[in-house]
Amino acid sequence: MRALIIDDSKAMRSILGRMLRGLDFEVVEAANGREALERLKGLGKVDLALVDWNMPEMNGFDFVRAVRAEHMYDGVLLMMVTTETEVDNVVRALAAGANEYVMKPFTQEVILEKLQIFGMAGS
């Protein structure tokens, strides 16, 4: 399986990447939504995208809306992983097409639990 990690924090991309590689994901990284859209175009198939909200150039919410506007990406599961804790933002992200929402700080167990819900990790 292939995962795209989208976060302007190199440290956060590294932490999430290590987790996912440990679950046998191929990991691709992007520092913002615009870069992530370019990566998607070049990669073909991506199974999962972990998306931060607050990033320069294109934020995570706009990335989710852009991905959901393109039917070729219908199969991509989108998980927001962000410090945005406002209930309104959670609702907006899910309404825009995010499949799950994880608030930072998080534990590896929380990410694993979400991946299990998606059927992407064993129990």
PDB file of N, CA and C in Angstrom:
ATOM      1  N   MET A   1       0.843  -1.189   0.000  1.00  0.00           N
ATOM      2  CA  MET A   1       0.000   0.000   0.000  1.00  0.00           C
ATOM      3  C   MET A   1       0.878   1.238   0.000  1.00  0.00           C
ATOM      4  N   ARG A   2       0.356   2.303  -0.545  1.00  0.00           N
ATOM      5  CA  ARG A   2       1.102   3.549  -0.652  1.00  0.00           C
ATOM      6  C   ARG A   2       0.381   4.648   0.120  1.00  0.00           C
ATOM      7  N   ALA A   3       1.147   5.399   0.907  1.00  0.00           N
ATOM      8  CA  ALA A   3       0.591   6.503   1.687  1.00  0.00           C
ATOM      9  C   ALA A   3       1.303   7.798   1.335  1.00  0.00           C
ATOM     10  N   LEU A   4       0.538   8.870   1.308  1.00  0.00           N
ATOM     11  CA  LEU A   4       1.056  10.214   1.086  1.00  0.00           C
ATOM     12  C   LEU A   4       0.895  10.986   2.392  1.00  0.00           C
ATOM     13  N   ILE A   5       2.007  11.471   2.929  1.00  0.00           N
ATOM     14  CA  ILE A   5       1.977  12.250   4.171  1.00  0.00           C
ATOM     15  C   ILE A   5       2.175  13.712   3.798  1.00  0.00           C
ATOM     16  N   ILE A   6       1.201  14.539   4.182  1.00  0.00           N
ATOM     17  CA  ILE A   6       1.214  15.949   3.799  1.00  0.00           C
ATOM     18  C   ILE A   6       1.240  16.796   5.065  1.00  0.00           C
ATOM     19  N   ASP A   7       2.394  17.395   5.330  1.00  0.00           N
ATOM     20  CA  ASP A   7       2.564  18.213   6.534  1.00  0.00           C
ATOM     21  C   ASP A   7       3.747  19.133   6.299  1.00  0.00           C
ATOM     22  N   ASP A   8       3.630  20.393   6.718  1.00  0.00           N
ATOM     23  CA  ASP A   8       4.746  21.318   6.542  1.00  0.00           C
ATOM     24  C   ASP A   8       5.860  21.074   7.556  1.00  0.00           C
ATOM     25  N   SER A   9       5.619  20.250   8.551  1.00  0.00           N
ATOM     26  CA  SER A   9       6.637  19.906   9.548  1.00  0.00           C
ATOM     27  C   SER A   9       7.389  18.647   9.110  1.00  0.00           C
ATOM     28  N   LYS A  10       8.682  18.807   8.842  1.00  0.00           N
ATOM     29  CA  LYS A  10       9.515  17.665   8.455  1.00  0.00           C
ATOM     30  C   LYS A  10       9.526  16.619   9.567  1.00  0.00           C
ATOM     31  N   ALA A  11       9.554  17.079  10.827  1.00  0.00           N
ATOM     32  CA  ALA A  11       9.553  16.151  11.962  1.00  0.00           C
ATOM     33  C   ALA A  11       8.272  15.316  11.986  1.00  0.00           C
ATOM     34  N   MET A  12       7.128  15.948  11.736  1.00  0.00           N
ATOM     35  CA  MET A  12       5.857  15.211  11.735  1.00  0.00           C
ATOM     36  C   MET A  12       5.815  14.223  10.579  1.00  0.00           C
ATOM     37  N   ARG A  13       6.307  14.626   9.408  1.00  0.00           N
ATOM     38  CA  ARG A  13       6.361  13.692   8.277  1.00  0.00           C
ATOM     39  C   ARG A  13       7.238  12.497   8.621  1.00  0.00           C
ATOM     40  N   SER A  14       8.326  12.747   9.317  1.00  0.00           N
ATOM     41  CA  SER A  14       9.242  11.672   9.704  1.00  0.00           C
ATOM     42  C   SER A  14       8.581  10.708  10.694  1.00  0.00           C
ATOM     43  N   ILE A  15       7.896  11.248  11.686  1.00  0.00           N
ATOM     44  CA  ILE A  15       7.214  10.414  12.696  1.00  0.00           C
ATOM     45  C   ILE A  15       6.147   9.547  12.033  1.00  0.00           C
ATOM     46  N   LEU A  16       5.285  10.164  11.240  1.00  0.00           N
ATOM     47  CA  LEU A  16       4.219   9.410  10.574  1.00  0.00           C
ATOM     48  C   LEU A  16       4.794   8.418   9.564  1.00  0.00           C
ATOM     49  N   GLY A  17       5.836   8.837   8.855  1.00  0.00           N
ATOM     50  CA  GLY A  17       6.468   7.954   7.881  1.00  0.00           C
ATOM     51  C   GLY A  17       7.035   6.707   8.526  1.00  0.00           C
ATOM     52  N   ARG A  18       7.681   6.880   9.657  1.00  0.00           N
ATOM     53  CA  ARG A  18       8.248   5.735  10.390  1.00  0.00           C
ATOM     54  C   ARG A  18       7.130   4.774  10.809  1.00  0.00           C
ATOM     55  N   MET A  19       6.037   5.317  11.314  1.00  0.00           N
ATOM     56  CA  MET A  19       4.898   4.476  11.706  1.00  0.00           C
ATOM     57  C   MET A  19       4.383   3.660  10.528  1.00  0.00           C
ATOM     58  N   LEU A  20       4.169   4.348   9.397  1.00  0.00           N
ATOM     59  CA  LEU A  20       3.573   3.685   8.242  1.00  0.00           C
ATOM     60  C   LEU A  20       4.527   2.694   7.588  1.00  0.00           C
ATOM     61  N   ARG A  21       5.809   3.038   7.528  1.00  0.00           N
ATOM     62  CA  ARG A  21       6.775   2.085   6.966  1.00  0.00           C
ATOM     63  C   ARG A  21       6.822   0.816   7.810  1.00  0.00           C
ATOM     64  N   GLY A  22       6.637   0.970   9.112  1.00  0.00           N
ATOM     65  CA  GLY A  22       6.593  -0.186  10.005  1.00  0.00           C
ATOM     66  C   GLY A  22       5.399  -1.090   9.744  1.00  0.00           C
ATOM     67  N   LEU A  23       4.400  -0.558   9.043  1.00  0.00           N
ATOM     68  CA  LEU A  23       3.215  -1.341   8.667  1.00  0.00           C
ATOM     69  C   LEU A  23       3.264  -1.709   7.182  1.00  0.00           C
ATOM     70  N   ASP A  24       4.464  -1.623   6.605  1.00  0.00           N
ATOM     71  CA  ASP A  24       4.713  -2.011   5.205  1.00  0.00           C
ATOM     72  C   ASP A  24       4.080  -1.099   4.167  1.00  0.00           C
ATOM     73  N   PHE A  25       3.880   0.164   4.515  1.00  0.00           N
ATOM     74  CA  PHE A  25       3.433   1.141   3.523  1.00  0.00           C
ATOM     75  C   PHE A  25       4.650   1.687   2.780  1.00  0.00           C
ATOM     76  N   GLU A  26       4.468   1.962   1.506  1.00  0.00           N
ATOM     77  CA  GLU A  26       5.412   2.785   0.772  1.00  0.00           C
ATOM     78  C   GLU A  26       4.988   4.215   1.086  1.00  0.00           C
ATOM     79  N   VAL A  27       5.914   5.077   1.477  1.00  0.00           N
ATOM     80  CA  VAL A  27       5.569   6.419   1.932  1.00  0.00           C
ATOM     81  C   VAL A  27       6.135   7.473   0.993  1.00  0.00           C
ATOM     82  N   VAL A  28       5.284   8.419   0.633  1.00  0.00           N
ATOM     83  CA  VAL A  28       5.666   9.585  -0.156  1.00  0.00           C
ATOM     84  C   VAL A  28       5.281  10.805   0.677  1.00  0.00           C
ATOM     85  N   GLU A  29       6.116  11.841   0.637  1.00  0.00           N
ATOM     86  CA  GLU A  29       5.873  13.021   1.470  1.00  0.00           C
ATOM     87  C   GLU A  29       5.671  14.274   0.620  1.00  0.00           C
ATOM     88  N   ALA A  30       4.913  15.205   1.185  1.00  0.00           N
ATOM     89  CA  ALA A  30       4.729  16.530   0.589  1.00  0.00           C
ATOM     90  C   ALA A  30       4.626  17.549   1.717  1.00  0.00           C
ATOM     91  N   ALA A  31       5.128  18.767   1.474  1.00  0.00           N
ATOM     92  CA  ALA A  31       5.171  19.796   2.511  1.00  0.00           C
ATOM     93  C   ALA A  31       3.937  20.689   2.531  1.00  0.00           C
ATOM     94  N   ASN A  32       3.060  20.572   1.513  1.00  0.00           N
ATOM     95  CA  ASN A  32       1.825  21.363   1.487  1.00  0.00           C
ATOM     96  C   ASN A  32       0.860  20.732   0.489  1.00  0.00           C
ATOM     97  N   GLY A  33      -0.354  21.225   0.467  1.00  0.00           N
ATOM     98  CA  GLY A  33      -1.383  20.658  -0.387  1.00  0.00           C
ATOM     99  C   GLY A  33      -1.076  20.750  -1.868  1.00  0.00           C
ATOM    100  N   ARG A  34      -0.481  21.855  -2.294  1.00  0.00           N
ATOM    101  CA  ARG A  34      -0.159  22.025  -3.719  1.00  0.00           C
ATOM    102  C   ARG A  34       0.880  20.991  -4.154  1.00  0.00           C
ATOM    103  N   GLU A  35       1.918  20.826  -3.349  1.00  0.00           N
ATOM    104  CA  GLU A  35       2.947  19.815  -3.639  1.00  0.00           C
ATOM    105  C   GLU A  35       2.324  18.410  -3.627  1.00  0.00           C
ATOM    106  N   ALA A  36       1.400  18.183  -2.715  1.00  0.00           N
ATOM    107  CA  ALA A  36       0.741  16.874  -2.619  1.00  0.00           C
ATOM    108  C   ALA A  36      -0.082  16.569  -3.866  1.00  0.00           C
ATOM    109  N   LEU A  37      -0.776  17.564  -4.406  1.00  0.00           N
ATOM    110  CA  LEU A  37      -1.541  17.351  -5.639  1.00  0.00           C
ATOM    111  C   LEU A  37      -0.607  16.983  -6.795  1.00  0.00           C
ATOM    112  N   GLU A  38       0.556  17.620  -6.858  1.00  0.00           N
ATOM    113  CA  GLU A  38       1.545  17.280  -7.886  1.00  0.00           C
ATOM    114  C   GLU A  38       2.036  15.847  -7.696  1.00  0.00           C
ATOM    115  N   ARG A  39       2.289  15.466  -6.446  1.00  0.00           N
ATOM    116  CA  ARG A  39       2.735  14.093  -6.150  1.00  0.00           C
ATOM    117  C   ARG A  39       1.664  13.088  -6.589  1.00  0.00           C
ATOM    118  N   LEU A  40       0.406  13.391  -6.281  1.00  0.00           N
ATOM    119  CA  LEU A  40      -0.691  12.498  -6.663  1.00  0.00           C
ATOM    120  C   LEU A  40      -0.732  12.290  -8.176  1.00  0.00           C
ATOM    121  N   LYS A  41      -0.584  13.360  -8.920  1.00  0.00           N
ATOM    122  CA  LYS A  41      -0.620  13.266 -10.383  1.00  0.00           C
ATOM    123  C   LYS A  41       0.483  12.352 -10.902  1.00  0.00           C
ATOM    124  N   GLY A  42       1.646  12.419 -10.272  1.00  0.00           N
ATOM    125  CA  GLY A  42       2.781  11.627 -10.724  1.00  0.00           C
ATOM    126  C   GLY A  42       2.789  10.195 -10.232  1.00  0.00           C
ATOM    127  N   LEU A  43       2.110   9.924  -9.142  1.00  0.00           N
ATOM    128  CA  LEU A  43       2.171   8.600  -8.521  1.00  0.00           C
ATOM    129  C   LEU A  43       1.190   7.597  -9.097  1.00  0.00           C
ATOM    130  N   GLY A  44       0.077   8.085  -9.582  1.00  0.00           N
ATOM    131  CA  GLY A  44      -0.958   7.140  -9.977  1.00  0.00           C
ATOM    132  C   GLY A  44      -1.779   6.761  -8.762  1.00  0.00           C
ATOM    133  N   LYS A  45      -1.540   5.572  -8.227  1.00  0.00           N
ATOM    134  CA  LYS A  45      -2.380   5.078  -7.141  1.00  0.00           C
ATOM    135  C   LYS A  45      -1.785   5.400  -5.767  1.00  0.00           C
ATOM    136  N   VAL A  46      -2.613   5.981  -4.912  1.00  0.00           N
ATOM    137  CA  VAL A  46      -2.289   6.195  -3.506  1.00  0.00           C
ATOM    138  C   VAL A  46      -3.478   5.666  -2.715  1.00  0.00           C
ATOM    139  N   ASP A  47      -3.199   4.886  -1.685  1.00  0.00           N
ATOM    140  CA  ASP A  47      -4.274   4.291  -0.892  1.00  0.00           C
ATOM    141  C   ASP A  47      -4.750   5.205   0.229  1.00  0.00           C
ATOM    142  N   LEU A  48      -3.822   5.977   0.787  1.00  0.00           N
ATOM    143  CA  LEU A  48      -4.088   6.745   1.996  1.00  0.00           C
ATOM    144  C   LEU A  48      -3.323   8.059   1.947  1.00  0.00           C
ATOM    145  N   ALA A  49      -3.968   9.130   2.391  1.00  0.00           N
ATOM    146  CA  ALA A  49      -3.265  10.399   2.576  1.00  0.00           C
ATOM    147  C   ALA A  49      -3.526  10.885   3.992  1.00  0.00           C
ATOM    148  N   LEU A  50      -2.448  11.202   4.715  1.00  0.00           N
ATOM    149  CA  LEU A  50      -2.538  11.804   6.044  1.00  0.00           C
ATOM    150  C   LEU A  50      -2.268  13.284   5.853  1.00  0.00           C
ATOM    151  N   VAL A  51      -3.230  14.114   6.238  1.00  0.00           N
ATOM    152  CA  VAL A  51      -3.221  15.517   5.824  1.00  0.00           C
ATOM    153  C   VAL A  51      -3.269  16.458   7.024  1.00  0.00           C
ATOM    154  N   ASP A  52      -2.280  17.330   7.126  1.00  0.00           N
ATOM    155  CA  ASP A  52      -2.302  18.402   8.121  1.00  0.00           C
ATOM    156  C   ASP A  52      -3.241  19.496   7.609  1.00  0.00           C
ATOM    157  N   TRP A  53      -3.788  20.290   8.504  1.00  0.00           N
ATOM    158  CA  TRP A  53      -4.691  21.368   8.102  1.00  0.00           C
ATOM    159  C   TRP A  53      -3.908  22.628   7.744  1.00  0.00           C
ATOM    160  N   ASN A  54      -3.083  23.076   8.690  1.00  0.00           N
ATOM    161  CA  ASN A  54      -2.409  24.375   8.554  1.00  0.00           C
ATOM    162  C   ASN A  54      -1.068  24.226   7.848  1.00  0.00           C
ATOM    163  N   MET A  55      -1.037  24.633   6.571  1.00  0.00           N
ATOM    164  CA  MET A  55       0.183  24.575   5.773  1.00  0.00           C
ATOM    165  C   MET A  55       0.200  25.771   4.824  1.00  0.00           C
ATOM    166  N   PRO A  56       1.403  26.180   4.408  1.00  0.00           N
ATOM    167  CA  PRO A  56       1.493  27.275   3.434  1.00  0.00           C
ATOM    168  C   PRO A  56       1.069  26.796   2.041  1.00  0.00           C
ATOM    169  N   GLU A  57       0.812  27.735   1.164  1.00  0.00           N
ATOM    170  CA  GLU A  57       0.465  27.537  -0.250  1.00  0.00           C
ATOM    171  C   GLU A  57      -0.917  26.918  -0.450  1.00  0.00           C
ATOM    172  N   MET A  58      -1.164  25.732   0.106  1.00  0.00           N
ATOM    173  CA  MET A  58      -2.504  25.135   0.061  1.00  0.00           C
ATOM    174  C   MET A  58      -2.687  24.346   1.343  1.00  0.00           C
ATOM    175  N   ASN A  59      -3.715  24.714   2.114  1.00  0.00           N
ATOM    176  CA  ASN A  59      -3.934  24.027   3.383  1.00  0.00           C
ATOM    177  C   ASN A  59      -4.611  22.667   3.164  1.00  0.00           C
ATOM    178  N   GLY A  60      -4.688  21.894   4.237  1.00  0.00           N
ATOM    179  CA  GLY A  60      -5.237  20.551   4.153  1.00  0.00           C
ATOM    180  C   GLY A  60      -6.705  20.501   3.784  1.00  0.00           C
ATOM    181  N   PHE A  61      -7.477  21.453   4.269  1.00  0.00           N
ATOM    182  CA  PHE A  61      -8.905  21.484   3.933  1.00  0.00           C
ATOM    183  C   PHE A  61      -9.085  21.676   2.429  1.00  0.00           C
ATOM    184  N   ASP A  62      -8.342  22.620   1.844  1.00  0.00           N
ATOM    185  CA  ASP A  62      -8.435  22.857   0.404  1.00  0.00           C
ATOM    186  C   ASP A  62      -7.927  21.650  -0.386  1.00  0.00           C
ATOM    187  N   PHE A  63      -6.912  20.959   0.153  1.00  0.00           N
ATOM    188  CA  PHE A  63      -6.426  19.736  -0.493  1.00  0.00           C
ATOM    189  C   PHE A  63      -7.527  18.670  -0.519  1.00  0.00           C
ATOM    190  N   VAL A  64      -8.209  18.475   0.602  1.00  0.00           N
ATOM    191  CA  VAL A  64      -9.296  17.490   0.669  1.00  0.00           C
ATOM    192  C   VAL A  64     -10.363  17.828  -0.363  1.00  0.00           C
ATOM    193  N   ARG A  65     -10.745  19.087  -0.427  1.00  0.00           N
ATOM    194  CA  ARG A  65     -11.774  19.491  -1.405  1.00  0.00           C
ATOM    195  C   ARG A  65     -11.301  19.255  -2.837  1.00  0.00           C
ATOM    196  N   ALA A  66     -10.038  19.548  -3.117  1.00  0.00           N
ATOM    197  CA  ALA A  66      -9.500  19.358  -4.470  1.00  0.00           C
ATOM    198  C   ALA A  66      -9.462  17.876  -4.845  1.00  0.00           C
ATOM    199  N   VAL A  67      -9.057  17.030  -3.915  1.00  0.00           N
ATOM    200  CA  VAL A  67      -8.992  15.590  -4.185  1.00  0.00           C
ATOM    201  C   VAL A  67     -10.396  15.035  -4.405  1.00  0.00           C
ATOM    202  N   ARG A  68     -11.337  15.436  -3.582  1.00  0.00           N
ATOM    203  CA  ARG A  68     -12.698  14.917  -3.714  1.00  0.00           C
ATOM    204  C   ARG A  68     -13.409  15.439  -4.963  1.00  0.00           C
ATOM    205  N   ALA A  69     -12.894  16.505  -5.557  1.00  0.00           N
ATOM    206  CA  ALA A  69     -13.479  17.025  -6.795  1.00  0.00           C
ATOM    207  C   ALA A  69     -13.042  16.210  -8.019  1.00  0.00           C
ATOM    208  N   GLU A  70     -12.008  15.383  -7.848  1.00  0.00           N
ATOM    209  CA  GLU A  70     -11.480  14.568  -8.949  1.00  0.00           C
ATOM    210  C   GLU A  70     -11.848  13.103  -8.726  1.00  0.00           C
ATOM    211  N   HIS A  71     -12.717  12.562  -9.583  1.00  0.00           N
ATOM    212  CA  HIS A  71     -13.197  11.192  -9.379  1.00  0.00           C
ATOM    213  C   HIS A  71     -12.102  10.137  -9.479  1.00  0.00           C
ATOM    214  N   MET A  72     -10.987  10.453 -10.150  1.00  0.00           N
ATOM    215  CA  MET A  72      -9.916   9.467 -10.245  1.00  0.00           C
ATOM    216  C   MET A  72      -9.295   9.181  -8.866  1.00  0.00           C
ATOM    217  N   TYR A  73      -9.561  10.056  -7.884  1.00  0.00           N
ATOM    218  CA  TYR A  73      -9.024   9.866  -6.535  1.00  0.00           C
ATOM    219  C   TYR A  73     -10.087   9.368  -5.549  1.00  0.00           C
ATOM    220  N   ASP A  74     -11.213   8.896  -6.060  1.00  0.00           N
ATOM    221  CA  ASP A  74     -12.294   8.454  -5.168  1.00  0.00           C
ATOM    222  C   ASP A  74     -11.849   7.376  -4.181  1.00  0.00           C
ATOM    223  N   GLY A  75     -10.908   6.534  -4.575  1.00  0.00           N
ATOM    224  CA  GLY A  75     -10.473   5.441  -3.709  1.00  0.00           C
ATOM    225  C   GLY A  75      -9.460   5.834  -2.648  1.00  0.00           C
ATOM    226  N   VAL A  76      -8.979   7.070  -2.679  1.00  0.00           N
ATOM    227  CA  VAL A  76      -7.975   7.507  -1.702  1.00  0.00           C
ATOM    228  C   VAL A  76      -8.665   7.809  -0.373  1.00  0.00           C
ATOM    229  N   LEU A  77      -8.205   7.150   0.676  1.00  0.00           N
ATOM    230  CA  LEU A  77      -8.730   7.436   2.014  1.00  0.00           C
ATOM    231  C   LEU A  77      -7.973   8.629   2.577  1.00  0.00           C
ATOM    232  N   LEU A  78      -8.706   9.607   3.093  1.00  0.00           N
ATOM    233  CA  LEU A  78      -8.118  10.847   3.602  1.00  0.00           C
ATOM    234  C   LEU A  78      -8.294  10.934   5.109  1.00  0.00           C
ATOM    235  N   MET A  79      -7.167  11.061   5.812  1.00  0.00           N
ATOM    236  CA  MET A  79      -7.192  11.208   7.265  1.00  0.00           C
ATOM    237  C   MET A  79      -6.543  12.540   7.635  1.00  0.00           C
ATOM    238  N   MET A  80      -7.329  13.429   8.210  1.00  0.00           N
ATOM    239  CA  MET A  80      -6.774  14.676   8.718  1.00  0.00           C
ATOM    240  C   MET A  80      -5.991  14.350   9.993  1.00  0.00           C
ATOM    241  N   VAL A  81      -4.773  14.860  10.090  1.00  0.00           N
ATOM    242  CA  VAL A  81      -3.943  14.697  11.287  1.00  0.00           C
ATOM    243  C   VAL A  81      -3.454  16.102  11.622  1.00  0.00           C
ATOM    244  N   THR A  82      -4.111  16.740  12.589  1.00  0.00           N
ATOM    245  CA  THR A  82      -3.936  18.183  12.741  1.00  0.00           C
ATOM    246  C   THR A  82      -4.132  18.672  14.175  1.00  0.00           C
ATOM    247  N   THR A  83      -3.669  19.888  14.420  1.00  0.00           N
ATOM    248  CA  THR A  83      -3.893  20.532  15.717  1.00  0.00           C
ATOM    249  C   THR A  83      -5.238  21.247  15.756  1.00  0.00           C
ATOM    250  N   GLU A  84      -5.942  21.283  14.623  1.00  0.00           N
ATOM    251  CA  GLU A  84      -7.258  21.938  14.573  1.00  0.00           C
ATOM    252  C   GLU A  84      -8.262  21.119  15.392  1.00  0.00           C
ATOM    253  N   THR A  85      -8.663  21.652  16.534  1.00  0.00           N
ATOM    254  CA  THR A  85      -9.549  20.905  17.430  1.00  0.00           C
ATOM    255  C   THR A  85     -10.964  21.468  17.487  1.00  0.00           C
ATOM    256  N   GLU A  86     -11.205  22.562  16.766  1.00  0.00           N
ATOM    257  CA  GLU A  86     -12.548  23.138  16.756  1.00  0.00           C
ATOM    258  C   GLU A  86     -13.531  22.149  16.134  1.00  0.00           C
ATOM    259  N   VAL A  87     -14.633  21.895  16.817  1.00  0.00           N
ATOM    260  CA  VAL A  87     -15.635  20.957  16.314  1.00  0.00           C
ATOM    261  C   VAL A  87     -16.117  21.363  14.926  1.00  0.00           C
ATOM    262  N   ASP A  88     -16.278  22.664  14.696  1.00  0.00           N
ATOM    263  CA  ASP A  88     -16.718  23.141  13.378  1.00  0.00           C
ATOM    264  C   ASP A  88     -15.743  22.712  12.281  1.00  0.00           C
ATOM    265  N   ASN A  89     -14.440  22.741  12.577  1.00  0.00           N
ATOM    266  CA  ASN A  89     -13.451  22.339  11.581  1.00  0.00           C
ATOM    267  C   ASN A  89     -13.488  20.835  11.335  1.00  0.00           C
ATOM    268  N   VAL A  90     -13.704  20.062  12.378  1.00  0.00           N
ATOM    269  CA  VAL A  90     -13.844  18.613  12.216  1.00  0.00           C
ATOM    270  C   VAL A  90     -15.029  18.335  11.294  1.00  0.00           C
ATOM    271  N   VAL A  91     -16.156  18.970  11.571  1.00  0.00           N
ATOM    272  CA  VAL A  91     -17.368  18.779  10.772  1.00  0.00           C
ATOM    273  C   VAL A  91     -17.122  19.211   9.327  1.00  0.00           C
ATOM    274  N   ARG A  92     -16.467  20.356   9.138  1.00  0.00           N
ATOM    275  CA  ARG A  92     -16.179  20.848   7.782  1.00  0.00           C
ATOM    276  C   ARG A  92     -15.303  19.871   7.006  1.00  0.00           C
ATOM    277  N   ALA A  93     -14.272  19.358   7.656  1.00  0.00           N
ATOM    278  CA  ALA A  93     -13.352  18.434   6.986  1.00  0.00           C
ATOM    279  C   ALA A  93     -14.063  17.147   6.590  1.00  0.00           C
ATOM    280  N   LEU A  94     -14.853  16.602   7.496  1.00  0.00           N
ATOM    281  CA  LEU A  94     -15.580  15.365   7.195  1.00  0.00           C
ATOM    282  C   LEU A  94     -16.621  15.603   6.103  1.00  0.00           C
ATOM    283  N   ALA A  95     -17.292  16.740   6.152  1.00  0.00           N
ATOM    284  CA  ALA A  95     -18.278  17.071   5.116  1.00  0.00           C
ATOM    285  C   ALA A  95     -17.615  17.264   3.755  1.00  0.00           C
ATOM    286  N   ALA A  96     -16.371  17.739   3.747  1.00  0.00           N
ATOM    287  CA  ALA A  96     -15.645  17.965   2.498  1.00  0.00           C
ATOM    288  C   ALA A  96     -15.113  16.667   1.901  1.00  0.00           C
ATOM    289  N   GLY A  97     -15.097  15.602   2.713  1.00  0.00           N
ATOM    290  CA  GLY A  97     -14.665  14.319   2.167  1.00  0.00           C
ATOM    291  C   GLY A  97     -13.567  13.609   2.924  1.00  0.00           C
ATOM    292  N   ALA A  98     -13.095  14.173   4.037  1.00  0.00           N
ATOM    293  CA  ALA A  98     -12.125  13.436   4.851  1.00  0.00           C
ATOM    294  C   ALA A  98     -12.824  12.216   5.453  1.00  0.00           C
ATOM    295  N   ASN A  99     -12.107  11.095   5.513  1.00  0.00           N
ATOM    296  CA  ASN A  99     -12.691   9.870   6.055  1.00  0.00           C
ATOM    297  C   ASN A  99     -12.529   9.764   7.568  1.00  0.00           C
ATOM    298  N   GLU A 100     -11.452  10.340   8.085  1.00  0.00           N
ATOM    299  CA  GLU A 100     -11.178  10.296   9.520  1.00  0.00           C
ATOM    300  C   GLU A 100     -10.498  11.586   9.934  1.00  0.00           C
ATOM    301  N   TYR A 101     -10.447  11.810  11.258  1.00  0.00           N
ATOM    302  CA  TYR A 101      -9.878  13.041  11.798  1.00  0.00           C
ATOM    303  C   TYR A 101      -9.136  12.679  13.074  1.00  0.00           C
ATOM    304  N   VAL A 102      -7.832  12.952  13.112  1.00  0.00           N
ATOM    305  CA  VAL A 102      -7.007  12.687  14.292  1.00  0.00           C
ATOM    306  C   VAL A 102      -6.416  14.008  14.748  1.00  0.00           C
ATOM    307  N   MET A 103      -6.523  14.281  16.035  1.00  0.00           N
ATOM    308  CA  MET A 103      -5.986  15.530  16.578  1.00  0.00           C
ATOM    309  C   MET A 103      -4.597  15.309  17.162  1.00  0.00           C
ATOM    310  N   LYS A 104      -3.681  16.235  16.847  1.00  0.00           N
ATOM    311  CA  LYS A 104      -2.345  16.223  17.435  1.00  0.00           C
ATOM    312  C   LYS A 104      -2.429  16.801  18.834  1.00  0.00           C
ATOM    313  N   PRO A 105      -1.651  16.337  19.783  1.00  0.00           N
ATOM    314  CA  PRO A 105      -0.744  15.205  19.647  1.00  0.00           C
ATOM    315  C   PRO A 105      -1.520  13.884  19.652  1.00  0.00           C
ATOM    316  N   PHE A 106      -0.966  12.887  19.005  1.00  0.00           N
ATOM    317  CA  PHE A 106      -1.608  11.585  18.902  1.00  0.00           C
ATOM    318  C   PHE A 106      -0.598  10.513  19.297  1.00  0.00           C
ATOM    319  N   THR A 107      -1.081   9.302  19.469  1.00  0.00           N
ATOM    320  CA  THR A 107      -0.197   8.171  19.746  1.00  0.00           C
ATOM    321  C   THR A 107      -0.191   7.243  18.534  1.00  0.00           C
ATOM    322  N   GLN A 108       0.787   6.382  18.486  1.00  0.00           N
ATOM    323  CA  GLN A 108       0.851   5.398  17.406  1.00  0.00           C
ATOM    324  C   GLN A 108      -0.394   4.517  17.442  1.00  0.00           C
ATOM    325  N   GLU A 109      -0.905   4.254  18.641  1.00  0.00           N
ATOM    326  CA  GLU A 109      -2.098   3.413  18.785  1.00  0.00           C
ATOM    327  C   GLU A 109      -3.312   4.051  18.108  1.00  0.00           C
ATOM    328  N   VAL A 110      -3.430   5.370  18.208  1.00  0.00           N
ATOM    329  CA  VAL A 110      -4.566   6.066  17.581  1.00  0.00           C
ATOM    330  C   VAL A 110      -4.496   5.915  16.062  1.00  0.00           C
ATOM    331  N   ILE A 111      -3.310   6.119  15.487  1.00  0.00           N
ATOM    332  CA  ILE A 111      -3.146   5.968  14.035  1.00  0.00           C
ATOM    333  C   ILE A 111      -3.431   4.519  13.635  1.00  0.00           C
ATOM    334  N   LEU A 112      -2.906   3.572  14.392  1.00  0.00           N
ATOM    335  CA  LEU A 112      -3.138   2.160  14.103  1.00  0.00           C
ATOM    336  C   LEU A 112      -4.626   1.816  14.151  1.00  0.00           C
ATOM    337  N   GLU A 113      -5.319   2.354  15.147  1.00  0.00           N
ATOM    338  CA  GLU A 113      -6.764   2.111  15.278  1.00  0.00           C
ATOM    339  C   GLU A 113      -7.522   2.621  14.044  1.00  0.00           C
ATOM    340  N   LYS A 114      -7.154   3.807  13.567  1.00  0.00           N
ATOM    341  CA  LYS A 114      -7.806   4.360  12.371  1.00  0.00           C
ATOM    342  C   LYS A 114      -7.504   3.496  11.148  1.00  0.00           C
ATOM    343  N   LEU A 115      -6.264   3.038  11.027  1.00  0.00           N
ATOM    344  CA  LEU A 115      -5.896   2.179   9.895  1.00  0.00           C
ATOM    345  C   LEU A 115      -6.639   0.845   9.954  1.00  0.00           C
ATOM    346  N   GLN A 116      -6.881   0.352  11.164  1.00  0.00           N
ATOM    347  CA  GLN A 116      -7.668  -0.882  11.317  1.00  0.00           C
ATOM    348  C   GLN A 116      -9.095  -0.655  10.859  1.00  0.00           C
ATOM    349  N   ILE A 117      -9.653   0.504  11.179  1.00  0.00           N
ATOM    350  CA  ILE A 117     -11.014   0.846  10.723  1.00  0.00           C
ATOM    351  C   ILE A 117     -11.061   0.820   9.192  1.00  0.00           C
ATOM    352  N   PHE A 118      -9.984   1.303   8.550  1.00  0.00           N
ATOM    353  CA  PHE A 118      -9.904   1.316   7.089  1.00  0.00           C
ATOM    354  C   PHE A 118      -9.600  -0.061   6.513  1.00  0.00           C
ATOM    355  N   GLY A 119      -9.249  -1.030   7.384  1.00  0.00           N
ATOM    356  CA  GLY A 119      -8.846  -2.344   6.891  1.00  0.00           C
ATOM    357  C   GLY A 119      -7.425  -2.356   6.350  1.00  0.00           C
ATOM    358  N   MET A 120      -6.604  -1.407   6.811  1.00  0.00           N
ATOM    359  CA  MET A 120      -5.227  -1.263   6.312  1.00  0.00           C
ATOM    360  C   MET A 120      -4.186  -1.751   7.290  1.00  0.00           C
ATOM    361  N   ALA A 121      -4.605  -2.297   8.415  1.00  0.00           N
ATOM    362  CA  ALA A 121      -3.676  -2.819   9.409  1.00  0.00           C
ATOM    363  C   ALA A 121      -4.364  -3.927  10.175  1.00  0.00           C
ATOM    364  N   GLY A 122      -3.558  -4.926  10.554  1.00  0.00           N
ATOM    365  CA  GLY A 122      -4.101  -6.013  11.348  1.00  0.00           C
ATOM    366  C   GLY A 122      -4.381  -5.576  12.771  1.00  0.00           C
ATOM    367  N   SER A 123      -5.095  -6.397  13.498  1.00  0.00           N
ATOM    368  CA  SER A 123      -5.424  -6.029  14.881  1.00  0.00           C
ATOM    369  C   SER A 123      -4.389  -6.510  15.852  1.00  0.00           C
TER     370      SER A 123
END
